[in-house]
N, C-alpha and C. Protein backbone atom coordinates (compact mmCIF):
# COMPACT_ATOMS: atom_id res chain seq x y z
N UNK A 1 0.87 -1.22 -0.06
CA UNK A 1 -0.03 0.03 0.02
C UNK A 1 0.84 1.25 0.03
N UNK A 2 2.04 1.21 0.63
CA UNK A 2 2.96 2.34 0.65
C UNK A 2 3.54 2.61 -0.70
N UNK A 3 3.70 1.64 -1.60
CA UNK A 3 4.38 1.75 -2.76
C UNK A 3 3.75 2.81 -3.80
N UNK A 4 2.39 2.85 -3.74
CA UNK A 4 1.71 3.75 -4.69
C UNK A 4 2.10 5.25 -4.24
N UNK A 5 1.99 5.67 -3.15
CA UNK A 5 2.50 7.14 -2.82
C UNK A 5 3.94 7.38 -3.14
N UNK A 6 4.84 6.27 -2.86
CA UNK A 6 6.25 6.33 -3.15
C UNK A 6 6.44 6.52 -4.68
N UNK A 7 5.66 5.82 -5.45
CA UNK A 7 5.83 5.93 -6.89
C UNK A 7 5.29 7.23 -7.41
N UNK A 8 4.30 7.69 -6.79
CA UNK A 8 3.82 9.10 -7.22
C UNK A 8 4.83 10.15 -6.91
N UNK A 9 5.41 10.13 -5.81
CA UNK A 9 6.48 11.08 -5.33
C UNK A 9 7.65 10.96 -6.37
N UNK A 10 8.07 9.67 -6.72
CA UNK A 10 9.15 9.50 -7.54
C UNK A 10 8.90 9.96 -8.94
N UNK A 11 7.59 9.83 -9.32
CA UNK A 11 7.24 10.27 -10.67
C UNK A 11 7.33 11.91 -10.64
N UNK A 12 6.86 12.46 -9.58
CA UNK A 12 6.95 13.90 -9.47
C UNK A 12 8.29 14.46 -9.54
N UNK A 13 9.21 13.79 -8.83
CA UNK A 13 10.54 14.25 -8.61
C UNK A 13 11.23 14.01 -10.24
N UNK A 14 10.87 12.90 -10.85
CA UNK A 14 11.48 12.81 -12.14
C UNK A 14 10.93 13.93 -13.03
N UNK A 15 9.62 14.12 -13.08
CA UNK A 15 9.01 15.19 -13.92
C UNK A 15 9.76 16.52 -13.56
N UNK A 16 9.82 16.84 -12.38
CA UNK A 16 10.52 18.06 -12.00
C UNK A 16 12.00 18.17 -12.49
N UNK A 17 12.68 17.00 -12.59
CA UNK A 17 14.03 16.95 -13.02
C UNK A 17 14.02 17.13 -14.53
N UNK A 18 13.06 16.51 -15.32
CA UNK A 18 13.09 16.85 -16.64
C UNK A 18 12.66 18.28 -16.97
N UNK A 19 11.73 18.76 -16.33
CA UNK A 19 11.38 20.21 -16.53
C UNK A 19 12.56 21.06 -16.35
N UNK A 20 13.49 20.83 -15.20
CA UNK A 20 14.59 21.67 -15.13
C UNK A 20 15.59 21.53 -16.22
N UNK A 21 15.79 20.21 -16.67
CA UNK A 21 16.55 19.97 -17.73
C UNK A 21 16.18 20.67 -18.98
N UNK A 22 14.89 20.70 -19.25
CA UNK A 22 14.42 21.37 -20.40
C UNK A 22 14.65 22.83 -20.19
N UNK A 23 14.35 23.39 -19.19
CA UNK A 23 14.41 24.86 -18.90
C UNK A 23 15.98 25.19 -19.00
N UNK A 24 16.93 24.35 -18.58
CA UNK A 24 18.30 24.60 -18.72
C UNK A 24 18.70 24.63 -20.18
N UNK A 25 18.16 23.67 -20.99
CA UNK A 25 18.64 23.59 -22.42
C UNK A 25 17.96 24.86 -23.16
N UNK A 26 16.70 25.33 -22.80
CA UNK A 26 16.12 26.43 -23.38
C UNK A 26 17.01 27.74 -22.98
N UNK A 27 17.54 27.77 -21.80
CA UNK A 27 18.39 28.91 -21.28
C UNK A 27 19.79 28.97 -21.98
N UNK A 28 20.09 27.91 -22.58
CA UNK A 28 21.35 27.99 -23.11
C UNK A 28 21.51 28.55 -24.63
N UNK A 29 22.11 29.67 -24.75
CA UNK A 29 22.04 30.33 -26.03
C UNK A 29 22.47 29.37 -27.17
N UNK A 30 21.71 29.37 -28.17
CA UNK A 30 22.12 28.51 -29.31
C UNK A 30 21.83 27.03 -29.27
N UNK A 31 21.20 26.64 -28.16
CA UNK A 31 20.82 25.14 -28.08
C UNK A 31 19.95 24.73 -29.07
N UNK A 32 19.28 25.42 -29.66
CA UNK A 32 18.33 25.05 -30.69
C UNK A 32 18.86 25.10 -32.21
N UNK A 33 20.05 25.60 -32.29
CA UNK A 33 20.67 25.69 -33.63
C UNK A 33 21.39 24.53 -34.15
N UNK A 34 21.40 24.33 -35.39
CA UNK A 34 22.17 23.35 -36.11
C UNK A 34 23.73 23.68 -36.04
N UNK A 35 24.56 22.74 -35.72
CA UNK A 35 26.06 23.14 -35.75
C UNK A 35 26.45 23.46 -37.14
N UNK A 36 27.35 24.40 -37.18
CA UNK A 36 27.91 24.92 -38.52
C UNK A 36 28.39 23.83 -39.37
N UNK A 37 28.04 23.49 -40.54
CA UNK A 37 28.53 22.35 -41.19
C UNK A 37 30.06 22.61 -41.54
N UNK A 38 30.85 21.56 -41.46
CA UNK A 38 32.25 21.50 -41.89
C UNK A 38 32.38 21.66 -43.44
N UNK A 39 33.26 22.56 -44.01
CA UNK A 39 33.33 22.66 -45.38
C UNK A 39 34.63 21.99 -45.88
N UNK A 40 34.40 21.34 -46.99
CA UNK A 40 35.60 20.80 -47.66
C UNK A 40 36.42 22.02 -48.19
N UNK A 41 37.74 21.78 -48.26
CA UNK A 41 38.50 22.86 -48.94
C UNK A 41 38.21 22.90 -50.46
N UNK A 42 37.83 24.10 -50.85
CA UNK A 42 37.57 24.36 -52.34
C UNK A 42 37.95 25.82 -52.71
N UNK A 43 37.86 26.01 -53.88
CA UNK A 43 38.15 27.37 -54.50
C UNK A 43 37.27 28.39 -53.89
N UNK A 44 37.70 29.64 -53.57
CA UNK A 44 36.78 30.63 -53.09
C UNK A 44 35.81 30.93 -54.14
N UNK A 45 34.55 31.10 -53.73
CA UNK A 45 33.45 31.61 -54.63
C UNK A 45 33.21 32.99 -54.44
N UNK A 46 33.47 33.80 -55.55
CA UNK A 46 33.29 35.30 -55.55
C UNK A 46 31.86 35.67 -55.15
N UNK A 47 31.72 36.88 -54.49
CA UNK A 47 30.38 37.31 -54.14
C UNK A 47 30.24 38.87 -54.22
N UNK A 48 29.07 39.33 -54.24
CA UNK A 48 28.75 40.84 -54.23
C UNK A 48 29.60 41.47 -53.18
N UNK A 49 30.39 42.47 -53.60
CA UNK A 49 31.07 43.32 -52.68
C UNK A 49 32.69 42.98 -52.63
N UNK A 50 33.07 41.90 -53.35
CA UNK A 50 34.50 41.62 -53.37
C UNK A 50 35.03 42.63 -54.27
N UNK A 51 36.26 42.90 -53.92
CA UNK A 51 36.98 44.01 -54.75
C UNK A 51 38.06 43.08 -55.52
N UNK A 52 38.12 43.19 -56.87
CA UNK A 52 39.10 42.31 -57.67
C UNK A 52 40.15 43.04 -58.36
N UNK A 53 41.36 42.56 -58.41
CA UNK A 53 42.39 43.10 -59.16
C UNK A 53 42.48 42.40 -60.47
N UNK A 54 42.20 43.06 -61.53
CA UNK A 54 42.16 42.48 -62.83
C UNK A 54 43.38 42.95 -63.58
N UNK A 55 44.13 41.98 -64.11
CA UNK A 55 45.27 42.37 -64.95
C UNK A 55 45.15 41.64 -66.33
N UNK A 56 45.12 42.57 -67.32
CA UNK A 56 45.06 42.05 -68.68
C UNK A 56 46.41 42.34 -69.21
N UNK A 57 47.22 41.34 -69.55
CA UNK A 57 48.68 41.51 -69.96
C UNK A 57 48.68 42.33 -71.20
N UNK A 58 49.64 43.17 -71.37
CA UNK A 58 49.81 43.95 -72.54
C UNK A 58 48.76 45.01 -72.86
N UNK A 59 47.95 45.33 -71.91
CA UNK A 59 46.88 46.35 -72.16
C UNK A 59 46.52 46.95 -70.62
N UNK A 60 47.28 48.00 -70.40
CA UNK A 60 47.01 48.71 -69.16
C UNK A 60 45.54 49.39 -69.20
N UNK A 61 44.85 49.72 -70.19
CA UNK A 61 43.54 50.27 -70.23
C UNK A 61 42.53 49.28 -69.49
N UNK A 62 42.88 48.05 -69.56
CA UNK A 62 41.81 47.04 -69.04
C UNK A 62 42.31 46.50 -67.69
N UNK A 63 43.48 47.00 -67.14
CA UNK A 63 43.92 46.62 -65.92
C UNK A 63 43.44 47.62 -64.78
N UNK A 64 42.93 46.94 -63.63
CA UNK A 64 42.69 47.85 -62.67
C UNK A 64 41.90 47.04 -61.52
N UNK A 65 41.23 47.77 -60.55
CA UNK A 65 40.47 47.12 -59.47
C UNK A 65 39.08 47.40 -59.82
N UNK A 66 38.16 46.32 -59.58
CA UNK A 66 36.77 46.36 -59.97
C UNK A 66 36.03 45.67 -58.84
N UNK A 67 34.88 46.20 -58.40
CA UNK A 67 34.16 45.72 -57.21
C UNK A 67 33.04 44.93 -58.06
N UNK A 68 32.60 43.70 -57.48
CA UNK A 68 31.50 43.03 -58.01
C UNK A 68 30.29 43.79 -57.36
N UNK A 69 29.39 44.15 -58.43
CA UNK A 69 28.26 44.94 -58.09
C UNK A 69 27.10 44.13 -57.58
N UNK A 70 26.10 44.72 -57.16
CA UNK A 70 24.82 44.14 -56.74
C UNK A 70 24.06 43.27 -57.80
N UNK A 71 24.48 43.42 -58.96
CA UNK A 71 23.92 42.61 -60.10
C UNK A 71 24.86 41.40 -60.22
N UNK A 72 25.94 41.25 -59.62
CA UNK A 72 26.76 39.90 -59.58
C UNK A 72 27.78 40.00 -60.64
N UNK A 73 28.12 41.13 -61.18
CA UNK A 73 29.04 41.26 -62.22
C UNK A 73 30.18 42.43 -62.03
N UNK A 74 31.13 42.18 -62.78
CA UNK A 74 32.16 43.38 -62.86
C UNK A 74 31.98 44.10 -64.22
N UNK A 75 32.19 45.35 -64.18
CA UNK A 75 32.03 46.14 -65.41
C UNK A 75 33.41 46.45 -65.82
N UNK A 76 33.80 45.95 -66.94
CA UNK A 76 35.20 46.23 -67.52
C UNK A 76 35.18 47.12 -68.69
N UNK A 77 36.14 48.07 -68.78
CA UNK A 77 36.21 48.89 -69.97
C UNK A 77 36.22 48.21 -71.15
N UNK A 78 35.61 48.58 -72.22
CA UNK A 78 35.59 47.98 -73.66
C UNK A 78 34.96 46.62 -73.61
N UNK A 79 34.64 45.93 -72.53
CA UNK A 79 33.99 44.70 -72.50
C UNK A 79 32.68 44.61 -72.00
N UNK A 80 32.48 45.48 -70.93
CA UNK A 80 31.08 45.50 -70.33
C UNK A 80 30.96 44.65 -69.19
N UNK A 81 29.79 44.24 -68.79
CA UNK A 81 29.49 43.46 -67.59
C UNK A 81 29.86 41.93 -67.79
N UNK A 82 30.62 41.32 -66.81
CA UNK A 82 30.90 40.00 -66.85
C UNK A 82 30.56 39.38 -65.67
N UNK A 83 29.55 38.35 -65.79
CA UNK A 83 29.12 37.78 -64.40
C UNK A 83 30.30 37.15 -63.56
N UNK A 84 30.29 37.38 -62.27
CA UNK A 84 31.24 37.02 -61.46
C UNK A 84 30.92 36.22 -60.23
N UNK A 85 29.66 36.47 -59.68
CA UNK A 85 29.18 35.74 -58.44
C UNK A 85 29.08 34.20 -58.48
N UNK A 86 29.57 33.54 -57.49
CA UNK A 86 29.68 32.12 -57.68
C UNK A 86 30.85 31.47 -58.37
N UNK A 87 31.66 32.21 -58.93
CA UNK A 87 32.73 31.62 -59.63
C UNK A 87 33.95 31.89 -58.90
N UNK A 88 35.04 30.97 -59.25
CA UNK A 88 36.29 31.06 -58.67
C UNK A 88 37.07 32.19 -59.54
N UNK A 89 38.09 32.54 -59.12
CA UNK A 89 38.90 33.63 -59.78
C UNK A 89 39.48 33.04 -61.19
N UNK A 90 39.86 31.73 -61.21
CA UNK A 90 40.17 31.18 -62.43
C UNK A 90 39.05 31.02 -63.38
N UNK A 91 37.93 30.63 -62.96
CA UNK A 91 36.71 30.68 -63.83
C UNK A 91 36.42 32.04 -64.34
N UNK A 92 36.55 33.18 -63.65
CA UNK A 92 36.37 34.45 -64.19
C UNK A 92 37.39 34.88 -65.11
N UNK A 93 38.61 34.57 -64.79
CA UNK A 93 39.75 34.79 -65.78
C UNK A 93 39.22 34.19 -67.16
N UNK A 94 38.87 32.99 -67.15
CA UNK A 94 38.40 32.43 -68.48
C UNK A 94 37.38 33.11 -69.08
N UNK A 95 36.39 33.65 -68.36
CA UNK A 95 35.21 34.24 -68.86
C UNK A 95 35.65 35.81 -69.45
N UNK A 96 36.55 36.31 -68.74
CA UNK A 96 37.05 37.59 -69.29
C UNK A 96 37.85 37.44 -70.53
N UNK A 97 38.68 36.43 -70.53
CA UNK A 97 39.41 36.13 -71.88
C UNK A 97 38.52 35.93 -72.99
N UNK A 98 37.39 35.15 -72.80
CA UNK A 98 36.50 34.91 -73.82
C UNK A 98 35.72 36.15 -74.29
N UNK A 99 35.46 37.01 -73.34
CA UNK A 99 34.77 38.21 -73.62
C UNK A 99 35.68 39.06 -74.53
N UNK A 100 36.90 39.14 -74.17
CA UNK A 100 37.92 39.86 -74.93
C UNK A 100 38.10 39.45 -76.30
N UNK A 101 38.12 38.01 -76.50
CA UNK A 101 38.05 37.44 -77.84
C UNK A 101 36.87 37.66 -78.57
N UNK A 102 35.77 37.58 -77.97
CA UNK A 102 34.43 37.68 -78.73
C UNK A 102 34.27 39.24 -79.20
N UNK A 103 34.92 40.19 -78.54
CA UNK A 103 34.81 41.53 -79.07
C UNK A 103 36.06 41.93 -79.94
N UNK A 104 36.86 40.81 -80.25
CA UNK A 104 37.92 41.04 -81.18
C UNK A 104 38.97 42.01 -80.69
N UNK A 105 39.14 42.02 -79.29
CA UNK A 105 40.03 42.98 -78.72
C UNK A 105 41.48 42.33 -78.70
N UNK A 106 41.53 41.05 -78.56
CA UNK A 106 42.78 40.24 -78.45
C UNK A 106 42.48 38.89 -79.31
N UNK A 107 43.60 38.42 -79.97
CA UNK A 107 43.48 37.06 -80.52
C UNK A 107 43.82 36.01 -79.33
N UNK A 108 44.70 36.37 -78.57
CA UNK A 108 45.04 35.36 -77.44
C UNK A 108 45.33 36.16 -76.19
N UNK A 109 44.14 36.53 -75.43
CA UNK A 109 44.38 37.38 -74.20
C UNK A 109 44.84 36.47 -73.05
N UNK A 110 45.65 37.21 -72.24
CA UNK A 110 45.98 36.49 -70.89
C UNK A 110 45.50 37.44 -69.76
N UNK A 111 44.72 36.86 -68.92
CA UNK A 111 44.20 37.57 -67.85
C UNK A 111 44.47 36.99 -66.53
N UNK A 112 44.78 37.71 -65.45
CA UNK A 112 44.94 37.28 -64.05
C UNK A 112 44.03 38.09 -63.29
N UNK A 113 43.37 37.35 -62.24
CA UNK A 113 42.41 37.96 -61.35
C UNK A 113 42.74 37.54 -59.88
N UNK A 114 42.84 38.40 -58.96
CA UNK A 114 42.97 38.08 -57.54
C UNK A 114 41.99 38.85 -56.77
N UNK A 115 41.73 38.38 -55.55
CA UNK A 115 40.90 39.25 -54.68
C UNK A 115 41.73 40.20 -53.99
N UNK A 116 41.27 41.49 -54.22
CA UNK A 116 42.24 42.51 -53.56
C UNK A 116 41.73 42.78 -52.10
N UNK A 117 40.34 42.62 -52.07
CA UNK A 117 39.58 42.89 -50.73
C UNK A 117 38.33 42.06 -50.62
N UNK A 118 38.28 41.29 -49.67
CA UNK A 118 37.11 40.37 -49.47
C UNK A 118 35.96 41.17 -48.93
N UNK A 119 34.72 40.58 -49.09
CA UNK A 119 33.54 41.11 -48.31
C UNK A 119 34.06 41.03 -46.84
N UNK A 120 33.34 41.84 -45.95
CA UNK A 120 33.74 41.84 -44.51
C UNK A 120 32.76 40.80 -43.80
N UNK A 121 33.24 40.45 -42.61
CA UNK A 121 32.40 39.70 -41.58
C UNK A 121 31.79 40.71 -40.58
N UNK A 122 30.83 40.39 -39.96
CA UNK A 122 30.18 41.29 -39.01
C UNK A 122 30.09 40.70 -37.68
N UNK A 123 30.49 41.28 -36.70
CA UNK A 123 30.55 40.78 -35.33
C UNK A 123 29.57 41.64 -34.50
N UNK A 124 28.67 40.89 -33.87
CA UNK A 124 27.54 41.55 -33.06
C UNK A 124 27.66 40.98 -31.56
N UNK A 125 26.95 41.60 -30.77
CA UNK A 125 26.68 41.12 -29.38
C UNK A 125 27.72 41.61 -28.43
N UNK A 126 28.12 40.50 -27.55
CA UNK A 126 28.89 40.77 -26.47
C UNK A 126 30.41 40.92 -26.71
N UNK A 127 30.78 41.94 -27.64
CA UNK A 127 32.28 42.16 -27.85
C UNK A 127 32.42 43.60 -27.51
N UNK A 128 33.76 43.97 -27.38
CA UNK A 128 34.04 45.29 -26.93
C UNK A 128 33.69 46.36 -28.20
N UNK A 129 33.94 45.95 -29.52
CA UNK A 129 33.61 46.95 -30.54
C UNK A 129 33.08 46.03 -31.69
N UNK A 130 31.82 45.96 -31.64
CA UNK A 130 31.06 45.16 -32.77
C UNK A 130 31.08 46.01 -33.91
N UNK A 131 30.72 45.27 -35.09
CA UNK A 131 30.62 45.92 -36.36
C UNK A 131 31.21 45.10 -37.52
N UNK A 132 31.73 45.94 -38.42
CA UNK A 132 32.33 45.15 -39.73
C UNK A 132 33.77 45.08 -39.67
N UNK A 133 34.24 43.69 -40.01
CA UNK A 133 35.69 43.32 -39.84
C UNK A 133 36.12 42.84 -41.11
N UNK A 134 37.39 43.32 -41.60
CA UNK A 134 37.78 42.74 -42.89
C UNK A 134 38.07 41.26 -42.79
N UNK A 135 37.59 40.43 -43.75
CA UNK A 135 37.75 39.00 -43.75
C UNK A 135 39.25 38.78 -44.33
N UNK A 136 39.77 37.69 -43.86
CA UNK A 136 41.01 37.25 -44.35
C UNK A 136 40.91 35.73 -44.45
N UNK A 137 41.34 35.01 -45.46
CA UNK A 137 41.32 33.61 -45.73
C UNK A 137 41.80 32.86 -44.35
N UNK A 138 41.12 31.85 -43.90
CA UNK A 138 41.37 31.05 -42.69
C UNK A 138 40.98 31.76 -41.39
N UNK A 139 40.14 32.83 -41.45
CA UNK A 139 39.78 33.52 -40.33
C UNK A 139 38.73 32.70 -39.58
N UNK A 140 38.90 32.69 -38.18
CA UNK A 140 38.00 31.78 -37.43
C UNK A 140 37.30 32.85 -36.54
N UNK A 141 36.23 32.34 -35.79
CA UNK A 141 35.45 33.20 -34.92
C UNK A 141 36.18 33.86 -34.00
N UNK A 142 37.30 33.17 -33.27
CA UNK A 142 38.01 33.79 -32.30
C UNK A 142 38.83 34.84 -32.98
N UNK A 143 39.42 34.78 -34.07
CA UNK A 143 40.23 35.93 -34.65
C UNK A 143 39.31 37.13 -35.10
N UNK A 144 38.11 36.93 -35.48
CA UNK A 144 37.17 37.92 -35.87
C UNK A 144 36.88 38.67 -34.48
N UNK A 145 36.55 37.84 -33.52
CA UNK A 145 36.30 38.52 -32.11
C UNK A 145 37.39 39.35 -31.65
N UNK A 146 38.68 38.76 -31.81
CA UNK A 146 39.92 39.52 -31.42
C UNK A 146 40.00 40.91 -32.10
N UNK A 147 39.71 40.75 -33.39
CA UNK A 147 39.79 42.02 -34.14
C UNK A 147 38.78 43.16 -33.53
N UNK A 148 37.60 42.73 -33.08
CA UNK A 148 36.62 43.37 -32.53
C UNK A 148 36.87 43.82 -31.15
N UNK A 149 38.06 43.72 -30.63
CA UNK A 149 38.29 44.18 -29.30
C UNK A 149 38.29 42.96 -28.12
N UNK A 150 37.88 41.83 -28.69
CA UNK A 150 37.71 40.63 -27.75
C UNK A 150 36.31 40.53 -27.05
N UNK A 151 35.97 39.47 -26.36
CA UNK A 151 34.79 39.31 -25.59
C UNK A 151 34.76 40.26 -24.53
N UNK A 152 33.52 40.75 -24.14
CA UNK A 152 33.36 41.66 -23.06
C UNK A 152 32.97 40.80 -21.80
N UNK A 153 32.90 41.28 -20.64
CA UNK A 153 32.79 40.55 -19.48
C UNK A 153 31.44 39.77 -19.46
N UNK A 154 30.48 40.16 -20.23
CA UNK A 154 29.14 39.46 -20.11
C UNK A 154 29.03 38.27 -21.22
N UNK A 155 30.15 38.15 -21.99
CA UNK A 155 29.93 37.15 -23.25
C UNK A 155 29.99 35.65 -22.72
N UNK A 156 29.29 35.00 -23.50
CA UNK A 156 29.50 33.49 -23.58
C UNK A 156 30.72 33.30 -24.60
N UNK A 157 31.78 32.67 -24.05
CA UNK A 157 33.01 32.63 -24.80
C UNK A 157 33.21 31.32 -25.57
N UNK A 158 32.31 30.27 -25.51
CA UNK A 158 32.71 29.06 -26.13
C UNK A 158 31.78 28.74 -27.29
N UNK A 159 30.63 29.58 -27.54
CA UNK A 159 29.86 29.33 -28.64
C UNK A 159 29.17 30.56 -29.14
N UNK A 160 28.92 30.67 -30.44
CA UNK A 160 28.11 31.91 -31.10
C UNK A 160 27.10 31.45 -32.08
N UNK A 161 26.33 32.31 -32.53
CA UNK A 161 25.65 31.97 -33.75
C UNK A 161 26.18 32.61 -34.94
N UNK A 162 26.21 31.88 -36.07
CA UNK A 162 26.84 32.44 -37.26
C UNK A 162 25.65 32.38 -38.37
N UNK A 163 25.37 33.48 -38.85
CA UNK A 163 24.36 33.51 -39.99
C UNK A 163 25.11 33.73 -41.27
N UNK A 164 24.88 32.77 -42.25
CA UNK A 164 25.46 32.54 -43.42
C UNK A 164 24.49 32.41 -44.53
N UNK A 165 24.76 33.20 -45.66
CA UNK A 165 24.04 32.95 -46.86
C UNK A 165 24.50 31.64 -47.57
N UNK A 166 23.36 30.67 -47.71
CA UNK A 166 24.02 29.50 -48.28
C UNK A 166 23.92 29.57 -49.76
N UNK A 167 24.31 28.35 -50.51
CA UNK A 167 24.33 28.43 -51.89
C UNK A 167 22.99 28.61 -52.51
N UNK A 168 21.92 28.37 -51.82
CA UNK A 168 20.67 28.63 -52.49
C UNK A 168 20.21 30.06 -52.24
N UNK A 169 21.15 30.91 -51.59
CA UNK A 169 20.77 32.27 -51.47
C UNK A 169 20.02 32.73 -50.29
N UNK A 170 19.74 31.74 -49.31
CA UNK A 170 18.88 31.92 -48.14
C UNK A 170 19.89 32.12 -46.99
N UNK A 171 19.56 33.07 -46.08
CA UNK A 171 20.41 33.16 -44.84
C UNK A 171 19.93 32.16 -43.80
N UNK A 172 20.92 31.42 -43.23
CA UNK A 172 20.57 30.44 -42.16
C UNK A 172 21.50 30.72 -41.07
N UNK A 173 20.94 30.31 -39.82
CA UNK A 173 21.65 30.55 -38.53
C UNK A 173 22.17 29.17 -38.01
N UNK A 174 23.49 29.21 -37.74
CA UNK A 174 24.10 27.97 -37.20
C UNK A 174 24.76 28.29 -35.92
N UNK A 175 25.04 27.25 -35.24
CA UNK A 175 25.84 27.27 -33.89
C UNK A 175 27.25 27.03 -34.22
N UNK A 176 28.12 28.10 -33.94
CA UNK A 176 29.54 28.06 -34.10
C UNK A 176 30.26 27.95 -32.85
N UNK A 177 31.54 27.51 -33.05
CA UNK A 177 32.42 27.46 -31.84
C UNK A 177 33.66 28.41 -32.07
N UNK A 178 34.44 28.62 -31.12
CA UNK A 178 35.65 29.53 -31.25
C UNK A 178 36.47 29.27 -32.49
N UNK A 179 36.59 27.99 -32.80
CA UNK A 179 37.63 27.65 -33.87
C UNK A 179 36.83 27.48 -35.14
N UNK A 180 35.49 27.73 -35.25
CA UNK A 180 34.84 27.65 -36.50
C UNK A 180 35.31 28.63 -37.55
N UNK A 181 35.64 28.09 -38.81
CA UNK A 181 36.11 28.95 -39.92
C UNK A 181 35.06 29.68 -40.52
N UNK A 182 35.20 30.91 -40.84
CA UNK A 182 34.23 31.94 -41.40
C UNK A 182 34.35 32.04 -42.87
N UNK A 183 33.38 32.62 -43.50
CA UNK A 183 33.44 32.95 -44.86
C UNK A 183 33.06 34.50 -44.94
N UNK A 184 33.42 35.22 -46.02
CA UNK A 184 33.02 36.62 -46.18
C UNK A 184 31.43 36.68 -46.09
N UNK A 185 31.00 37.72 -45.56
CA UNK A 185 29.65 37.99 -45.27
C UNK A 185 28.96 37.30 -44.11
N UNK A 186 29.67 36.43 -43.44
CA UNK A 186 29.11 35.89 -42.17
C UNK A 186 28.76 36.98 -41.17
N UNK A 187 27.73 36.69 -40.35
CA UNK A 187 27.45 37.50 -39.34
C UNK A 187 27.51 36.74 -38.07
N UNK A 188 28.40 37.09 -37.14
CA UNK A 188 28.61 36.32 -35.79
C UNK A 188 27.85 37.13 -34.68
N UNK A 189 27.19 36.38 -33.91
CA UNK A 189 26.46 36.96 -32.76
C UNK A 189 27.05 36.38 -31.43
N UNK A 190 27.69 37.09 -30.62
CA UNK A 190 28.26 36.66 -29.40
C UNK A 190 27.17 36.75 -28.39
N UNK A 191 26.91 35.54 -27.78
CA UNK A 191 25.74 35.66 -26.88
C UNK A 191 26.26 36.22 -25.54
N UNK A 192 25.13 36.60 -24.73
CA UNK A 192 25.32 37.20 -23.36
C UNK A 192 25.01 35.97 -22.38
N UNK A 193 25.83 36.00 -21.37
CA UNK A 193 25.73 35.01 -20.26
C UNK A 193 24.55 35.25 -19.47
N UNK A 194 23.86 34.14 -19.13
CA UNK A 194 22.74 34.27 -18.24
C UNK A 194 23.24 34.72 -16.88
N UNK A 195 22.22 35.20 -16.09
CA UNK A 195 22.65 35.78 -14.81
C UNK A 195 22.75 34.54 -13.78
C-alpha cells in the first residue's frame, strides 16, 4: 500500500528533473541551432562586394580594380559586364578572356584575377567593438572577435551564432564554436551570459 504514494512522489521528482533539464536547455543560447557544417577545402566563390584586381597583360587600359556589383558582375572597360558571383577567380579569368576574344580585342588574351579585398564579416553582441571586420582567408570566430576588441565581461565565450548565406541564397543561422572557420559575409552574434 505504501508503494503507490512512493511511486507518485518518484514520478513527481522525475518530472521536476526533466522540466529543469528542459529549462536549462532552453536557457542555453544557441541550443536550438544546427551546428555549422564543416566545409571541404575548395576554391573561393566570389560574391557581391568583393574587390578584384584584374590584370590584362599587354593592355593597361583594361587593368585595374573592380568591385562586384549588386547585379553580380564586374564592369570592365571596352568589355562591359562579366558575371562573377559564384565563380572562382580562375573561372572568371576564362570568362574575361572569352569576352575579350568575342569583342575582337585580342587574339590570345592573358588575364589574371585576384581578390584585392574580401567582403567583410560582421561581429555583433557581447564584444568590445562590434561591427564590420575585414575578412582574411582562414579567419576563425576567435580571430574575428579578437579584431573586434575581444569578448566583453558578459559574453559566452565558447559558442556563437553564425548567420550565413547558403548556396541557395537563403540566410541560415548556425551554432559556431571559437575555432569555426568563417566565410566573407558571415554575421557572428556573441551571446550574453545568463545571470
